[in-house]
Protein backbone atom coordinates (compact mmCIF):
# COMPACT_ATOMS: atom_id res chain seq x y z
CA MET A 1 13.58 -15.04 22.18
CA ILE A 2 11.36 -17.54 20.33
CA PRO A 3 12.41 -21.07 19.26
CA ILE A 4 14.17 -21.43 15.94
CA GLN A 5 11.34 -23.68 14.71
CA LEU A 6 8.83 -20.86 15.10
CA THR A 7 11.18 -18.42 13.39
CA VAL A 8 11.46 -20.76 10.39
CA PHE A 9 7.70 -21.29 10.41
CA PHE A 10 6.90 -17.57 10.26
CA MET A 11 9.63 -17.09 7.69
CA ILE A 12 7.91 -19.67 5.46
CA VAL A 13 4.52 -18.01 6.10
CA TYR A 14 6.01 -14.67 5.05
CA VAL A 15 7.40 -16.18 1.85
CA LEU A 16 4.05 -17.78 0.98
CA GLU A 17 2.24 -14.49 1.63
CA SER A 18 4.75 -12.64 -0.53
CA LEU A 19 4.35 -15.11 -3.41
CA THR A 20 0.56 -14.77 -3.11
CA ILE A 21 0.80 -10.98 -3.36
CA ILE A 22 3.16 -11.24 -6.34
CA LEU A 23 0.82 -13.64 -8.17
CA GLN A 24 -2.26 -11.53 -7.42
CA SER A 25 -0.56 -8.32 -8.51
CA GLY A 26 0.79 -9.98 -11.65
CA LEU A 27 -2.65 -11.29 -12.58
CA LEU A 28 -4.22 -7.89 -11.99
CA VAL A 29 -1.66 -6.13 -14.17
CA ALA A 30 -1.82 -8.79 -16.89
CA VAL A 31 -5.62 -8.67 -17.24
CA LEU A 32 -6.03 -4.90 -17.01
CA GLY A 33 -2.91 -4.27 -19.10
CA ARG A 34 -4.21 -6.50 -21.86
CA GLU A 35 -7.53 -4.68 -21.77
CA TRP A 36 -5.70 -1.35 -21.90
CA VAL A 37 -3.79 -2.44 -25.02
CA GLN A 38 -6.86 -3.84 -26.78
CA VAL A 39 -9.41 -1.14 -25.98
CA LYS A 40 -6.93 1.76 -25.69
CA ARG A 41 -8.92 3.01 -22.71
CA LEU A 42 -9.46 2.17 -19.04
CA SER A 43 -11.69 3.61 -16.36
CA ALA A 44 -10.15 5.89 -13.75
CA VAL A 45 -10.35 3.13 -11.11
CA ASP A 46 -8.75 0.52 -13.38
CA MET A 47 -5.89 2.92 -14.23
CA ILE A 48 -5.09 3.30 -10.55
CA LEU A 49 -5.53 -0.43 -9.89
CA THR A 50 -3.09 -1.23 -12.71
CA SER A 51 -0.55 1.21 -11.25
CA LEU A 52 -1.08 -0.26 -7.77
CA GLY A 53 -0.64 -3.78 -9.14
CA ILE A 54 2.70 -2.85 -10.73
CA CYS A 55 3.78 -1.06 -7.55
CA HIS A 56 2.83 -3.99 -5.27
CA PHE A 57 4.52 -6.50 -7.60
CA CYS A 58 7.83 -4.61 -7.48
CA LEU A 59 7.41 -3.71 -3.79
CA GLN A 60 7.01 -7.31 -2.72
CA TRP A 61 10.14 -8.45 -4.54
CA ALA A 62 12.07 -5.56 -2.99
CA SER A 63 10.66 -6.47 0.43
CA MET A 64 11.67 -10.13 0.16
CA LEU A 65 15.19 -9.37 -1.02
CA ASN A 66 15.71 -6.58 1.52
CA ASN A 67 14.36 -8.60 4.47
CA PHE A 68 16.39 -11.73 3.77
CA TYR A 69 19.60 -9.88 2.93
CA SER A 70 19.38 -7.66 6.04
CA TYR A 71 18.42 -10.62 8.28
CA PHE A 72 21.31 -12.86 7.24
CA ASN A 73 23.79 -9.96 6.83
CA PRO A 74 22.94 -7.56 9.69
CA ASN A 75 26.30 -5.78 9.46
CA TYR A 76 25.93 -4.87 5.82
CA VAL A 77 23.61 -2.18 4.42
CA PHE A 78 21.96 -3.07 1.10
CA TRP A 79 21.23 0.58 0.39
CA TYR A 80 19.81 0.08 -3.12
CA LEU A 81 17.18 -2.41 -1.88
CA SER A 82 16.30 -0.23 1.09
CA ILE A 83 15.90 2.86 -1.11
CA ALA A 84 13.80 0.92 -3.62
CA TRP A 85 11.52 -0.38 -0.84
CA ASP A 86 11.07 3.11 0.66
CA PHE A 87 10.21 4.59 -2.74
CA LEU A 88 7.75 1.86 -3.73
CA ASN A 89 6.14 1.82 -0.29
CA THR A 90 5.56 5.58 -0.39
CA LEU A 91 4.19 5.30 -3.93
CA SER A 92 1.74 2.59 -2.85
CA PHE A 93 0.48 4.90 -0.11
CA TRP A 94 -0.13 7.76 -2.55
CA LEU A 95 -1.82 5.47 -5.07
CA THR A 96 -4.08 4.00 -2.38
CA SER A 97 -5.11 7.47 -1.22
CA LEU A 98 -5.75 8.43 -4.85
CA LEU A 99 -7.97 5.37 -5.25
CA ALA A 100 -9.92 6.41 -2.15
CA VAL A 101 -10.39 9.93 -3.56
CA VAL A 102 -11.62 8.58 -6.90
CA TYR A 103 -14.06 6.23 -5.16
CA CYS A 104 -15.35 9.16 -3.12
CA VAL A 105 -15.80 11.42 -6.16
CA LYS A 106 -17.44 8.77 -8.34
CA ILE A 107 -19.75 7.15 -5.79
CA SER A 108 -20.71 9.91 -3.35
CA SER A 109 -24.04 11.62 -3.90
CA PHE A 110 -22.95 15.14 -2.96
CA THR A 111 -24.18 17.90 -5.30
CA HIS A 112 -21.56 20.49 -4.42
CA PRO A 113 -20.10 22.15 -7.59
CA ILE A 114 -16.60 20.92 -6.70
CA PHE A 115 -17.76 17.28 -6.59
CA LEU A 116 -19.69 17.68 -9.83
CA TRP A 117 -16.67 19.23 -11.54
CA LEU A 118 -14.33 16.50 -10.26
CA ARG A 119 -16.77 13.78 -11.33
CA TRP A 120 -16.81 15.21 -14.84
CA ARG A 121 -13.03 15.71 -15.03
CA ILE A 122 -11.77 12.73 -13.06
CA LEU A 123 -10.91 10.54 -16.08
CA ARG A 124 -8.71 13.27 -17.56
CA LEU A 125 -7.15 14.13 -14.21
CA VAL A 126 -6.14 10.59 -13.22
CA PRO A 127 -3.05 10.31 -15.52
CA ARG A 128 -1.78 13.63 -14.14
CA LEU A 129 -2.50 12.55 -10.57
CA LEU A 130 -0.62 9.29 -11.16
CA LEU A 131 2.37 11.27 -12.40
CA GLY A 132 2.08 13.58 -9.40
CA SER A 133 2.08 10.59 -7.05
CA LEU A 134 5.24 9.33 -8.73
CA LEU A 135 6.99 12.69 -8.38
CA LEU A 136 5.97 13.11 -4.74
CA SER A 137 7.29 9.64 -3.96
CA CYS A 138 10.67 10.62 -5.41
CA VAL A 139 11.18 12.85 -2.36
CA THR A 140 11.58 9.62 -0.40
CA LEU A 141 14.68 8.77 -2.42
CA ILE A 142 16.58 11.68 -0.88
CA CYS A 143 15.46 10.89 2.68
CA SER A 144 16.20 7.18 2.26
CA ALA A 145 19.65 7.89 0.82
CA VAL A 146 20.51 10.07 3.83
CA ARG A 147 19.29 7.42 6.27
CA ASN A 148 21.29 4.66 4.61
CA HIS A 149 24.37 6.88 4.53
CA ILE A 150 24.09 7.28 8.32
CA LYS A 151 23.77 3.50 8.72
CA ILE A 152 26.87 2.86 6.60
CA LYS A 153 28.78 5.47 8.59
CA MET A 154 27.79 3.81 11.87
CA ILE A 155 28.85 0.35 10.72
CA SER A 156 32.21 1.61 9.46
CA MET A 157 32.93 3.38 12.79
CA GLU A 158 32.07 0.41 15.02
CA HIS A 159 35.54 -1.07 14.45
CA PHE A 160 37.17 1.94 16.13
CA PRO A 161 36.66 1.95 19.94
CA ARG A 162 37.48 5.65 20.30
CA ASN A 163 34.42 6.59 18.26
CA ASN A 164 31.82 5.41 20.81
CA THR A 165 30.57 8.93 21.43
CA MET A 166 30.18 9.60 17.74
CA ILE A 167 28.42 6.27 17.22
CA GLU A 168 25.91 7.08 19.97
CA ARG A 169 25.22 10.44 18.37
CA LEU A 170 24.70 8.80 15.00
CA LYS A 171 22.33 6.26 16.57
CA MET A 172 20.24 9.04 18.08
CA LEU A 173 20.21 10.90 14.77
CA LEU A 174 19.24 7.73 12.91
CA GLN A 175 16.36 6.98 15.31
CA LYS A 176 14.95 10.50 15.02
CA PHE A 177 15.37 10.55 11.26
CA THR A 178 13.87 7.09 10.76
CA LEU A 179 10.84 7.94 12.88
CA SER A 180 10.19 11.42 11.49
CA GLN A 181 10.68 10.63 7.79
CA PRO A 182 7.86 8.06 7.34
CA THR A 183 5.53 10.10 9.56
CA VAL A 184 5.99 13.27 7.51
CA VAL A 185 5.88 11.46 4.16
CA MET A 186 2.83 9.32 4.98
CA ILE A 187 0.69 11.78 6.93
CA ILE A 188 -0.62 13.62 3.83
CA PRO A 189 -1.86 10.55 1.91
CA PHE A 190 -3.23 9.12 5.16
CA LEU A 191 -5.27 12.30 5.79
CA LEU A 192 -6.52 12.24 2.19
CA PHE A 193 -7.54 8.64 2.61
CA LEU A 194 -9.24 9.34 5.95
CA ALA A 195 -11.11 12.37 4.56
CA SER A 196 -12.35 10.36 1.57
CA THR A 197 -13.58 7.58 3.86
CA ILE A 198 -15.44 10.01 6.11
CA LEU A 199 -17.04 11.76 3.13
CA LEU A 200 -18.20 8.43 1.72
CA MET A 201 -19.72 7.49 5.07
CA ALA A 202 -21.47 10.87 5.19
CA SER A 203 -22.76 10.33 1.66
CA LEU A 204 -24.07 6.88 2.60
CA SER A 205 -25.89 8.33 5.61
CA GLN A 206 -27.36 11.07 3.45
CA HIS A 207 -28.47 8.51 0.88
CA LEU A 208 -30.15 6.38 3.55
CA GLY A 209 -32.23 9.39 4.54
CA GLN A 210 -33.29 9.96 0.94
CA MET A 211 -34.10 6.33 0.08
CA GLN A 212 -37.83 6.81 0.63
CA HIS A 213 -37.89 9.48 -2.07
CA HIS A 214 -36.32 7.26 -4.75
CA LYS A 215 -37.27 4.11 -6.56
CA ALA A 216 -36.25 0.89 -4.85
CA GLY A 217 -34.09 -0.35 -7.74
CA HIS A 218 -32.07 2.83 -7.91
CA SER A 219 -31.64 2.95 -4.15
CA ASN A 220 -30.51 -0.68 -3.94
CA SER A 221 -27.90 -0.25 -6.67
CA SER A 222 -26.61 2.94 -5.08
CA MET A 223 -26.49 1.31 -1.65
CA LYS A 224 -24.55 -1.61 -3.10
CA ALA A 225 -22.00 0.76 -4.66
CA HIS A 226 -21.58 2.58 -1.35
CA SER A 227 -21.19 -0.67 0.61
CA THR A 228 -18.59 -2.05 -1.82
CA ALA A 229 -16.53 1.13 -1.70
CA LEU A 230 -16.69 1.37 2.10
CA ARG A 231 -15.67 -2.29 2.46
CA SER A 232 -12.67 -1.69 0.22
CA LEU A 233 -11.68 1.49 2.01
CA ALA A 234 -11.99 -0.25 5.38
CA ILE A 235 -9.39 -2.85 4.36
CA PHE A 236 -7.15 -0.12 2.97
CA LEU A 237 -7.48 1.73 6.27
CA ILE A 238 -6.29 -1.41 8.09
CA PHE A 239 -3.26 -1.47 5.79
CA PHE A 240 -2.48 2.18 6.51
CA THR A 241 -2.85 1.68 10.26
CA SER A 242 -0.69 -1.45 10.20
CA TYR A 243 2.15 0.48 8.60
CA PHE A 244 2.13 3.08 11.38
CA LEU A 245 2.12 0.25 13.91
CA THR A 246 5.30 -1.13 12.34
CA ILE A 247 6.96 2.24 12.87
CA VAL A 248 6.11 2.12 16.58
CA ILE A 249 7.07 -1.53 17.06
CA SER A 250 10.33 -1.09 15.15
CA PHE A 251 11.54 1.08 18.02
CA VAL A 252 10.70 -1.50 20.66
CA SER A 253 13.97 -3.39 20.61
CA ILE A 254 12.58 -6.63 22.08
CA LEU A 255 9.88 -6.99 19.44
CA TYR A 256 12.04 -5.85 16.58
CA ASP A 257 15.00 -8.07 17.39
CA LYS A 258 15.84 -9.78 14.12
CA SER A 259 16.71 -12.99 15.93
CA SER A 260 13.30 -13.33 17.58
CA TRP A 261 10.07 -11.51 16.67
CA TYR A 262 11.11 -9.98 13.37
CA TRP A 263 9.54 -12.64 11.13
CA VAL A 264 6.43 -12.86 13.30
CA TRP A 265 5.73 -9.19 12.72
CA GLU A 266 6.56 -9.45 9.01
CA ALA A 267 4.13 -12.36 8.64
CA VAL A 268 1.34 -10.39 10.37
CA ILE A 269 1.90 -7.26 8.28
CA TYR A 270 2.00 -9.06 4.94
CA ALA A 271 -1.04 -11.11 5.85
CA ILE A 272 -2.91 -7.79 5.90
CA VAL A 273 -1.23 -6.73 2.66
CA SER A 274 -2.29 -10.03 1.10
CA VAL A 275 -5.90 -9.35 2.06
CA GLN A 276 -5.60 -5.88 0.55
CA SER A 277 -4.19 -7.33 -2.66
CA THR A 278 -7.13 -9.75 -2.86
CA LEU A 279 -9.53 -6.88 -2.34
CA LEU A 280 -7.85 -4.92 -5.14
CA MET A 281 -8.56 -7.78 -7.52
CA LEU A 282 -12.20 -8.04 -6.46
CA SER A 283 -12.74 -4.26 -6.72
CA SER A 284 -12.12 -4.28 -10.48
CA PRO A 285 -15.31 -5.05 -12.48
CA MET A 286 -13.18 -5.70 -15.57
CA LEU A 287 -11.06 -8.30 -13.80
CA LYS A 288 -14.09 -10.04 -12.30
CA LYS A 289 -15.71 -10.15 -15.73
CA VAL A 290 -12.63 -11.75 -17.31
CA LEU A 291 -12.23 -14.29 -14.48
CA LYS A 292 -15.90 -15.30 -14.71
CA LEU A 293 -15.55 -15.72 -18.47
CA ARG A 294 -12.43 -17.89 -18.06
CA CYS A 295 -14.14 -20.04 -15.41
CA TRP A 296 -17.16 -20.49 -17.70
CA VAL A 297 -14.88 -21.53 -20.60
CA LEU A 298 -13.10 -24.08 -18.37
CA GLU A 299 -16.41 -25.50 -17.16
CA THR A 300 -17.78 -25.91 -20.69
CA ALA A 301 -14.54 -27.33 -22.11
C-alpha cells in the first residue's frame, strides 16, 4: 500500500502522459490528413502512420475514461469502454506490426523474388492490409463481450451468499479467459513484428559486408535508412513487450491492487507509449518537413 500522495502524483503523471499522446496523435493525423486531402495520395508508411494516429487518439481517450471509471467505481462494469479499449488496443498492435513489415519490405536489401514483388506492390496492398487489420481486430469484440459478461455475472451474484461456489468458478474462468485471450490475439502480430525486425537486422548486416563494393554516398544513405528503421522498431518492440508485462503483472494481486500500485504501473506503461507516439511523429518525413517549414515561418515572422 503506497501513500495517497504518491497515488495522486502518479495519477497526474498518467493524465499528462495521456494528454501528450492525444496531442501528438492529433497533430500527426491533422498534418498527414491534410496532405492526403490536398495531394490525394500518401506513401505506404504515411497511410499506416495516419491510421495509427487515429487509433492511438481514440485508444487514449478510451483508456482514460475506462481507467478512471473502473478505479472510482470498482463494483460497476463499464462494458462499452472496456470493449472499445480492447478493440482499439488490438488494432494498434496489428497496425504496428504492419508498419514493421512495410519498413522491412521497403528498406531491406534482399533480392528474393518475394521481396521484389512486395516492394513493387506494397502501395496497392496497404489499403487492403489496413482493412484486414480492422477486420481481424473485430474478433476481439466477441472475446471482450464474453469477458465483460462474466464480470457482470460475478458482480450480480456477490450479493447472494449461497453462490460462493459459483462465484469462485466464475473467477477461475475469468482469469483463464483474460489471460488466454490477449495472448492468442497478440501473438500473431508480435511474431510478424519480431520477424520483420530480425530480417531488417539481417539486411543491415548483409549491407555492411557489401559496403566496400558500393560508393560511399549510396552506402551512407542506405545505412542511415537502416538505422532509422531499426531505431523505430526497437521502440515499438519495447511497447509490445511492455503490454505482455502488464498481462503478467495484472495477475499479481499486490501489484495490481487498484488502491496501491495501479496508477504507478499505468504511468510506466503510458510513458513508453508516449515515447512510441513521439517516434511515430519523427518517423514521418512529411510531418518533419511540415514542422520545419512552420518553424521557419515563425522564425522569419
